[in-house]
Amino acid sequence: MSLVGFDVGGVDARYGAKTQSAVKDLQQRFQVTIDGVIGLQTWAIIDALEDERAIIDGLEDEGPVV
């Protein structure tokens, strides 16, 4: 989640209060059930955001289009 812009309070392999808050924020932004649980819909959103981030990073690595 931190890779796609949500503050989870650092990566520590724990699902703490900050992670749950970040998950609920993501769920609210993408209008899915806000329960703090990373279910199928939430995983799909995270995966899509990570894919989008990878594309953007790839384009930035190539430099400007001339």
C-alpha atoms as a PDB file:
ATOM      1  CA  MET A   1       0.000   0.000   0.000  1.00  0.00           C
ATOM      2  CA  SER A   2       2.838   2.373   0.717  1.00  0.00           C
ATOM      3  CA  LEU A   3       4.086   1.906  -2.862  1.00  0.00           C
ATOM      4  CA  VAL A   4       0.840   3.348  -4.194  1.00  0.00           C
ATOM      5  CA  GLY A   5       0.688   6.337  -1.853  1.00  0.00           C
ATOM      6  CA  PHE A   6      -1.081   5.185   1.299  1.00  0.00           C
ATOM      7  CA  ASP A   7       0.581   5.754   4.674  1.00  0.00           C
ATOM      8  CA  VAL A   8       0.765   2.474   6.564  1.00  0.00           C
ATOM      9  CA  GLY A   9       3.266   3.744   9.095  1.00  0.00           C
ATOM     10  CA  GLY A  10       6.199   1.821   7.636  1.00  0.00           C
ATOM     11  CA  VAL A  11       6.537  -1.697   6.318  1.00  0.00           C
ATOM     12  CA  ASP A  12       6.802  -4.113   9.218  1.00  0.00           C
ATOM     13  CA  ALA A  13       4.691  -7.150   8.164  1.00  0.00           C
ATOM     14  CA  ARG A  14       2.030  -6.243  10.718  1.00  0.00           C
ATOM     15  CA  TYR A  15      -1.566  -5.245  10.146  1.00  0.00           C
ATOM     16  CA  GLY A  16      -1.773  -2.473  12.695  1.00  0.00           C
ATOM     17  CA  ALA A  17      -4.007   0.551  13.179  1.00  0.00           C
ATOM     18  CA  LYS A  18      -2.235   2.665  10.525  1.00  0.00           C
ATOM     19  CA  THR A  19      -2.531  -0.113   7.953  1.00  0.00           C
ATOM     20  CA  GLN A  20      -6.207  -0.564   8.706  1.00  0.00           C
ATOM     21  CA  SER A  21      -6.744   3.183   8.421  1.00  0.00           C
ATOM     22  CA  ALA A  22      -4.931   3.241   5.057  1.00  0.00           C
ATOM     23  CA  VAL A  23      -7.052   0.325   3.817  1.00  0.00           C
ATOM     24  CA  LYS A  24     -10.249   2.114   4.844  1.00  0.00           C
ATOM     25  CA  ASP A  25      -9.037   5.284   3.114  1.00  0.00           C
ATOM     26  CA  LEU A  26      -8.378   3.350  -0.093  1.00  0.00           C
ATOM     27  CA  GLN A  27     -11.779   1.658   0.143  1.00  0.00           C
ATOM     28  CA  GLN A  28     -13.517   4.990   0.614  1.00  0.00           C
ATOM     29  CA  ARG A  29     -11.664   6.590  -2.304  1.00  0.00           C
ATOM     30  CA  PHE A  30     -12.597   3.727  -4.622  1.00  0.00           C
ATOM     31  CA  GLN A  31     -16.154   3.361  -3.320  1.00  0.00           C
ATOM     32  CA  VAL A  32     -16.049  -0.224  -2.110  1.00  0.00           C
ATOM     33  CA  THR A  33     -17.273  -1.549   1.223  1.00  0.00           C
ATOM     34  CA  ILE A  34     -15.339   0.250   3.954  1.00  0.00           C
ATOM     35  CA  ASP A  35     -14.472  -2.504   6.424  1.00  0.00           C
ATOM     36  CA  GLY A  36     -10.677  -2.357   6.677  1.00  0.00           C
ATOM     37  CA  VAL A  37     -10.409  -5.901   5.299  1.00  0.00           C
ATOM     38  CA  ILE A  38      -8.282  -6.561   2.230  1.00  0.00           C
ATOM     39  CA  GLY A  39     -10.743  -8.746   0.356  1.00  0.00           C
ATOM     40  CA  LEU A  40     -10.976  -9.481  -3.361  1.00  0.00           C
ATOM     41  CA  GLN A  41     -12.169  -6.002  -4.398  1.00  0.00           C
ATOM     42  CA  THR A  42      -9.537  -4.243  -2.327  1.00  0.00           C
ATOM     43  CA  TRP A  43      -6.759  -6.521  -3.629  1.00  0.00           C
ATOM     44  CA  ALA A  44      -7.905  -5.821  -7.197  1.00  0.00           C
ATOM     45  CA  ILE A  45      -7.634  -2.069  -6.564  1.00  0.00           C
ATOM     46  CA  ILE A  46      -4.178  -2.409  -5.000  1.00  0.00           C
ATOM     47  CA  ASP A  47      -3.002  -4.591  -7.902  1.00  0.00           C
ATOM     48  CA  ALA A  48      -4.328  -2.100 -10.465  1.00  0.00           C
ATOM     49  CA  LEU A  49      -2.626   0.798  -8.685  1.00  0.00           C
ATOM     50  CA  GLU A  50       0.662  -1.114  -8.532  1.00  0.00           C
ATOM     51  CA  ASP A  51       0.400  -1.921 -12.262  1.00  0.00           C
ATOM     52  CA  GLU A  52      -0.316   1.737 -13.024  1.00  0.00           C
ATOM     53  CA  ARG A  53       2.660   2.791 -10.889  1.00  0.00           C
ATOM     54  CA  ALA A  54       4.929   0.344 -12.738  1.00  0.00           C
ATOM     55  CA  ILE A  55       3.824   1.762 -16.093  1.00  0.00           C
ATOM     56  CA  ILE A  56       4.443   5.338 -14.932  1.00  0.00           C
ATOM     57  CA  ASP A  57       7.846   4.373 -13.518  1.00  0.00           C
ATOM     58  CA  GLY A  58       8.728   2.679 -16.805  1.00  0.00           C
ATOM     59  CA  LEU A  59       7.771   5.742 -18.798  1.00  0.00           C
ATOM     60  CA  GLU A  60       9.795   7.988 -16.518  1.00  0.00           C
ATOM     61  CA  ASP A  61      12.817   5.722 -16.951  1.00  0.00           C
ATOM     62  CA  GLU A  62      12.606   6.095 -20.736  1.00  0.00           C
ATOM     63  CA  GLY A  63      12.728   9.879 -20.571  1.00  0.00           C
ATOM     64  CA  PRO A  64      10.580  12.345 -22.465  1.00  0.00           C
ATOM     65  CA  VAL A  65       8.955  11.384 -25.734  1.00  0.00           C
ATOM     66  CA  VAL A  66      10.367  13.475 -28.586  1.00  0.00           C
END
